[in-house]
Every structure is written in C-alpha cells, then in structure tokens.
Amino acid sequence: MAKHSKLSLAPPIAVRMRRAYFDCRFGQLHVRTAFPTTGGFDEQVTLFCLHPSEGSSRVFDRFLPEIADERSVYAPDLPGFGESDPAPSGSAADAARAISDLATDLRLRQIDLLGTGFGAAVALELGAARPELVRRLVLVSVPLMERMPVVKQQSLVLRVKLGAADDTQWSKGVLPNARFVELTEYAADLFSGAPQVLAKQISAFLKG
C-alpha cells in the first residue's frame, strides 16, 4: 500500500475539445469547440476564432486548449474551407453571414472575434454588420479591403509583419478604437509557435 501511495496522479484536463457540425444558410459548418471543464466559461464572453484562407480551423489546434481555460471557444471552418459547405460567392461578407447564423444557432447574445488574414476580414464584416453582437475583436494580418465601414468596437491588432496592411492609415481609420501590438518574431507560426504567450495576451485584452 505504501508503494501505491507514492504514485502521482495525472493532473486533470483543463479543457474539453470536440468537433461538431452546425447549420447555416449555406449548408453546414464544421466547428472545433473547446470548453473549460470547470464549467465557468459562462462568466466570460464566448470567443470565435476565424482562420486565414491558407488553411482551416486546424491552424488553432495548439491555441484552443490555451485560450479556452476560462471561456467557451468555437473555431469554425469558414464556408468552402475544411469540411464546411461552400457559400455562393466565397466572400468575407458571406462568411460573416454564416458566422452570424452560428451565433444565432448557439443563442449567444454577444461574442468576441479573433480573425487572421481572411478571418480578420470576416471579423470586420461581422463587427460592422452586427455591432450589438460583436463585443471585441482581435485581428492578425488585416487584409486591404475595397470597402469597409468604420468598426467602433475595442480591437487588438497583432502586427506580425512590419509594413503590412494592418500598419497603414487605412487600418487605423477603419478601427478608431484599436490598439496595435508588434509580434513580428512569430510571423507565420503565430498560433503554433507561442500559443501560451498569445493566449495570455489575448485573454487579458478580452477581460479588460
């Protein structure tokens, strides 16, 4: 018995991760989900993570367990990517409508958005179209867009490349309430290279 008493128990898993399908106006969205096992996620605003055009929700694989320790998180494959059905145009506006449908299906009154590349464009579209739904935005590699109304929500823009679109007067004009932070040391592997550091910084902004 003494020998058994010295065995150390494995620490409990802090985050529960699953995959699911949800209906939207264009068909079905494949979504990766992450929830804290404590059940305390309802105290924080739900976060949606929107991927770039170069991949799918899989880019957030290492990041989700870190950011979901205090809140529920949904990372959908945007329409036409991964395992989600395509939208007619493949535009950021159509993708934003699909994400709006997802929030409605989940009966969420407010959400925060994290978007990178094309996902950042989708986040801007949804933030402008539904300001009552979108509380805060975290944006990475903001693309140049021909048209975009001013998005007034508090925003955190993570600059991973000096001189990119997210460092121009265009971006600052579109996002008058944005804070710009340089993370150029991570660049291409931002979400896999330092997921703990990134999650800590984003969580602090979303709580503020």
Foldseek 3Di string as FASTA:
>chain_A
DVVVVPDDDDDDQQKDKDWDWDQAPQGIKIKIKIAGPVPQQVVAAEEEEEEAPVAFLVLQVQQRSQQRNHHIYIYIGFDPGDPHPHDPPNALLVSLRRVVRVCVVVVHQEHEYEYEHSGQSNVQNNLVVCVRHYAEYEYEQDADDPDGAAREHQYEYEYQDPPGPCPDVVVCRSYVNYDYHYDNVCRPSVNPPCSNVVSVVVVVVSVD
